[in-house]
Amino acid sequence: MTGRVVHFEIPFDDKERAKRFYGDVFHWDVEEMPEFEYVGVSTGPAGDDGMASEPGYIGGGLTRRGGVNTGPVIVLASADIDADLSRVESHGGEVLEPKSPVGEMGFAAYFKDTEGNVVGLWQSA
């Protein structure tokens, strides 16, 4: 369903330090995704597809700080990123990064809401 929070991203300055911190403190499982300079994290049990296998939590990732990723970002599901970005702009928001492919998995985009918050969109392939 469009608009549900489906993912989060936490920026890092030191990838190994961030992996240790979240792994040790919260027991998150981490998975390197070197082709994206990204670390996927599971915050609870996951199925073979890597998706949450129980209701009540979402997974996310650790990403290098920079560009639009200067603070934690929530990511919302989108059935049509282009249409959602058009509505964002028509309601006073700003597109920061347009729809772009993420490997074979899907598409991502980032916008700034009317309060200055950076929010991501995710459309599965």
C-alpha atoms as a PDB file:
ATOM      1  CA  MET A   1       0.000   0.000   0.000  1.00  0.00           C
ATOM      2  CA  THR A   2       1.281   3.431  -0.946  1.00  0.00           C
ATOM      3  CA  GLY A   3       2.456   5.679   1.872  1.00  0.00           C
ATOM      4  CA  ARG A   4       3.328   3.010   4.432  1.00  0.00           C
ATOM      5  CA  VAL A   5       6.701   3.282   6.120  1.00  0.00           C
ATOM      6  CA  VAL A   6       8.627   0.340   4.679  1.00  0.00           C
ATOM      7  CA  HIS A   7      12.285   1.127   5.344  1.00  0.00           C
ATOM      8  CA  PHE A   8      14.656   3.481   7.148  1.00  0.00           C
ATOM      9  CA  GLU A   9      18.155   4.736   6.460  1.00  0.00           C
ATOM     10  CA  ILE A  10      20.728   5.885   9.003  1.00  0.00           C
ATOM     11  CA  PRO A  11      23.816   7.667   7.666  1.00  0.00           C
ATOM     12  CA  PHE A  12      27.318   6.813   8.837  1.00  0.00           C
ATOM     13  CA  ASP A  13      30.712   8.486   8.758  1.00  0.00           C
ATOM     14  CA  ASP A  14      32.543   5.254   9.662  1.00  0.00           C
ATOM     15  CA  LYS A  15      30.824   2.132   8.297  1.00  0.00           C
ATOM     16  CA  GLU A  16      32.589  -0.393  10.532  1.00  0.00           C
ATOM     17  CA  ARG A  17      31.913   1.679  13.644  1.00  0.00           C
ATOM     18  CA  ALA A  18      28.207   2.016  12.741  1.00  0.00           C
ATOM     19  CA  LYS A  19      27.904  -1.734  12.055  1.00  0.00           C
ATOM     20  CA  ARG A  20      29.480  -2.543  15.429  1.00  0.00           C
ATOM     21  CA  PHE A  21      27.312  -0.034  17.271  1.00  0.00           C
ATOM     22  CA  TYR A  22      23.940  -1.221  15.942  1.00  0.00           C
ATOM     23  CA  GLY A  23      24.956  -4.870  15.944  1.00  0.00           C
ATOM     24  CA  ASP A  24      26.258  -4.788  19.524  1.00  0.00           C
ATOM     25  CA  VAL A  25      23.684  -2.461  21.077  1.00  0.00           C
ATOM     26  CA  PHE A  26      20.495  -3.639  19.326  1.00  0.00           C
ATOM     27  CA  HIS A  27      21.602  -7.026  17.930  1.00  0.00           C
ATOM     28  CA  TRP A  28      20.674  -6.021  14.378  1.00  0.00           C
ATOM     29  CA  ASP A  29      21.827  -8.388  11.646  1.00  0.00           C
ATOM     30  CA  VAL A  30      23.894  -6.511   9.080  1.00  0.00           C
ATOM     31  CA  GLU A  31      24.547  -7.447   5.466  1.00  0.00           C
ATOM     32  CA  GLU A  32      27.136  -5.692   3.329  1.00  0.00           C
ATOM     33  CA  MET A  33      25.920  -4.526  -0.073  1.00  0.00           C
ATOM     34  CA  PRO A  34      29.231  -3.277  -1.500  1.00  0.00           C
ATOM     35  CA  GLU A  35      27.830  -2.629  -4.969  1.00  0.00           C
ATOM     36  CA  PHE A  36      25.702   0.122  -3.379  1.00  0.00           C
ATOM     37  CA  GLU A  37      28.109   1.240  -0.587  1.00  0.00           C
ATOM     38  CA  TYR A  38      25.258   0.222   1.691  1.00  0.00           C
ATOM     39  CA  VAL A  39      24.681  -2.028   4.679  1.00  0.00           C
ATOM     40  CA  GLY A  40      21.272  -3.673   4.935  1.00  0.00           C
ATOM     41  CA  VAL A  41      19.997  -4.232   8.471  1.00  0.00           C
ATOM     42  CA  SER A  42      17.345  -6.559   9.863  1.00  0.00           C
ATOM     43  CA  THR A  43      15.794  -5.367  13.090  1.00  0.00           C
ATOM     44  CA  GLY A  44      13.855  -8.591  13.632  1.00  0.00           C
ATOM     45  CA  PRO A  45      13.262 -11.991  12.051  1.00  0.00           C
ATOM     46  CA  ALA A  46      13.333 -12.069   8.258  1.00  0.00           C
ATOM     47  CA  GLY A  47      12.259 -14.574   5.641  1.00  0.00           C
ATOM     48  CA  ASP A  48      14.412 -15.983   2.855  1.00  0.00           C
ATOM     49  CA  ASP A  49      13.627 -12.872   0.802  1.00  0.00           C
ATOM     50  CA  GLY A  50      15.136 -10.638   3.503  1.00  0.00           C
ATOM     51  CA  MET A  51      11.796  -9.022   4.301  1.00  0.00           C
ATOM     52  CA  ALA A  52      10.281  -8.845   7.796  1.00  0.00           C
ATOM     53  CA  SER A  53       8.581 -12.124   8.671  1.00  0.00           C
ATOM     54  CA  GLU A  54       6.592 -10.744  11.616  1.00  0.00           C
ATOM     55  CA  PRO A  55       4.361  -7.675  11.805  1.00  0.00           C
ATOM     56  CA  GLY A  56       5.468  -4.711  13.845  1.00  0.00           C
ATOM     57  CA  TYR A  57       8.903  -3.881  12.537  1.00  0.00           C
ATOM     58  CA  ILE A  58      10.729  -2.827   9.413  1.00  0.00           C
ATOM     59  CA  GLY A  59      14.257  -3.289   8.204  1.00  0.00           C
ATOM     60  CA  GLY A  60      16.535  -0.606   6.901  1.00  0.00           C
ATOM     61  CA  GLY A  61      20.043   0.278   6.049  1.00  0.00           C
ATOM     62  CA  LEU A  62      23.165   2.161   6.941  1.00  0.00           C
ATOM     63  CA  THR A  63      24.479   4.459   4.212  1.00  0.00           C
ATOM     64  CA  ARG A  64      27.405   6.842   3.809  1.00  0.00           C
ATOM     65  CA  ARG A  65      26.547  10.338   5.032  1.00  0.00           C
ATOM     66  CA  GLY A  66      26.321  12.802   2.173  1.00  0.00           C
ATOM     67  CA  GLY A  67      23.990  14.288  -0.397  1.00  0.00           C
ATOM     68  CA  VAL A  68      20.434  13.983   0.903  1.00  0.00           C
ATOM     69  CA  ASN A  69      21.490  11.478   3.578  1.00  0.00           C
ATOM     70  CA  THR A  70      22.599  13.797   6.371  1.00  0.00           C
ATOM     71  CA  GLY A  71      20.219  12.468   9.034  1.00  0.00           C
ATOM     72  CA  PRO A  72      17.900   9.487   9.502  1.00  0.00           C
ATOM     73  CA  VAL A  73      15.372   9.049   6.690  1.00  0.00           C
ATOM     74  CA  ILE A  74      12.098   7.153   6.634  1.00  0.00           C
ATOM     75  CA  VAL A  75      11.171   5.528   3.336  1.00  0.00           C
ATOM     76  CA  LEU A  76       7.576   5.233   2.145  1.00  0.00           C
ATOM     77  CA  ALA A  77       6.129   2.664  -0.258  1.00  0.00           C
ATOM     78  CA  SER A  78       5.113   4.012  -3.647  1.00  0.00           C
ATOM     79  CA  ALA A  79       3.114   2.422  -6.445  1.00  0.00           C
ATOM     80  CA  ASP A  80       4.202   5.220  -8.825  1.00  0.00           C
ATOM     81  CA  ILE A  81       7.161   7.358  -7.748  1.00  0.00           C
ATOM     82  CA  ASP A  82       6.753   9.821 -10.607  1.00  0.00           C
ATOM     83  CA  ALA A  83       3.109  10.515  -9.669  1.00  0.00           C
ATOM     84  CA  ASP A  84       4.004  10.804  -5.970  1.00  0.00           C
ATOM     85  CA  LEU A  85       6.831  13.256  -6.719  1.00  0.00           C
ATOM     86  CA  SER A  86       4.458  15.325  -8.837  1.00  0.00           C
ATOM     87  CA  ARG A  87       2.024  15.521  -5.890  1.00  0.00           C
ATOM     88  CA  VAL A  88       4.904  16.377  -3.534  1.00  0.00           C
ATOM     89  CA  GLU A  89       5.813  19.361  -5.709  1.00  0.00           C
ATOM     90  CA  SER A  90       2.209  20.501  -6.192  1.00  0.00           C
ATOM     91  CA  HIS A  91       1.786  20.548  -2.405  1.00  0.00           C
ATOM     92  CA  GLY A  92       4.896  22.612  -1.688  1.00  0.00           C
ATOM     93  CA  GLY A  93       7.532  19.901  -1.312  1.00  0.00           C
ATOM     94  CA  GLU A  94      10.810  19.677  -3.236  1.00  0.00           C
ATOM     95  CA  VAL A  95      12.235  16.756  -5.206  1.00  0.00           C
ATOM     96  CA  LEU A  96      15.822  16.201  -4.060  1.00  0.00           C
ATOM     97  CA  GLU A  97      16.653  13.069  -6.077  1.00  0.00           C
ATOM     98  CA  PRO A  98      14.340  11.860  -8.853  1.00  0.00           C
ATOM     99  CA  LYS A  99      13.384   8.238  -9.443  1.00  0.00           C
ATOM    100  CA  SER A 100      16.456   6.099 -10.027  1.00  0.00           C
ATOM    101  CA  PRO A 101      16.968   2.336 -10.276  1.00  0.00           C
ATOM    102  CA  VAL A 102      18.486   0.362  -7.394  1.00  0.00           C
ATOM    103  CA  GLY A 103      19.919  -2.688  -9.106  1.00  0.00           C
ATOM    104  CA  GLU A 104      17.158  -5.076 -10.126  1.00  0.00           C
ATOM    105  CA  MET A 105      15.251  -4.539  -6.859  1.00  0.00           C
ATOM    106  CA  GLY A 106      13.278  -1.403  -7.640  1.00  0.00           C
ATOM    107  CA  PHE A 107      13.466   2.378  -7.668  1.00  0.00           C
ATOM    108  CA  ALA A 108      14.194   5.060  -5.084  1.00  0.00           C
ATOM    109  CA  ALA A 109      13.670   8.813  -4.869  1.00  0.00           C
ATOM    110  CA  TYR A 110      14.031  11.456  -2.167  1.00  0.00           C
ATOM    111  CA  PHE A 111      12.073  14.612  -1.451  1.00  0.00           C
ATOM    112  CA  LYS A 112      11.927  17.367   1.133  1.00  0.00           C
ATOM    113  CA  ASP A 113       8.532  17.913   2.755  1.00  0.00           C
ATOM    114  CA  THR A 114       7.100  21.324   3.642  1.00  0.00           C
ATOM    115  CA  GLU A 115       8.773  21.121   7.071  1.00  0.00           C
ATOM    116  CA  GLY A 116      12.277  20.533   5.686  1.00  0.00           C
ATOM    117  CA  ASN A 117      12.407  16.787   6.387  1.00  0.00           C
ATOM    118  CA  VAL A 118      14.034  14.452   3.869  1.00  0.00           C
ATOM    119  CA  VAL A 119      11.808  11.462   3.056  1.00  0.00           C
ATOM    120  CA  GLY A 120      12.469   8.562   0.697  1.00  0.00           C
ATOM    121  CA  LEU A 121      10.164   6.734  -1.690  1.00  0.00           C
ATOM    122  CA  TRP A 122      10.525   3.082  -2.718  1.00  0.00           C
ATOM    123  CA  GLN A 123       8.847   1.384  -5.683  1.00  0.00           C
ATOM    124  CA  SER A 124       9.514  -2.331  -6.040  1.00  0.00           C
ATOM    125  CA  ALA A 125      10.505  -3.575  -9.481  1.00  0.00           C
END
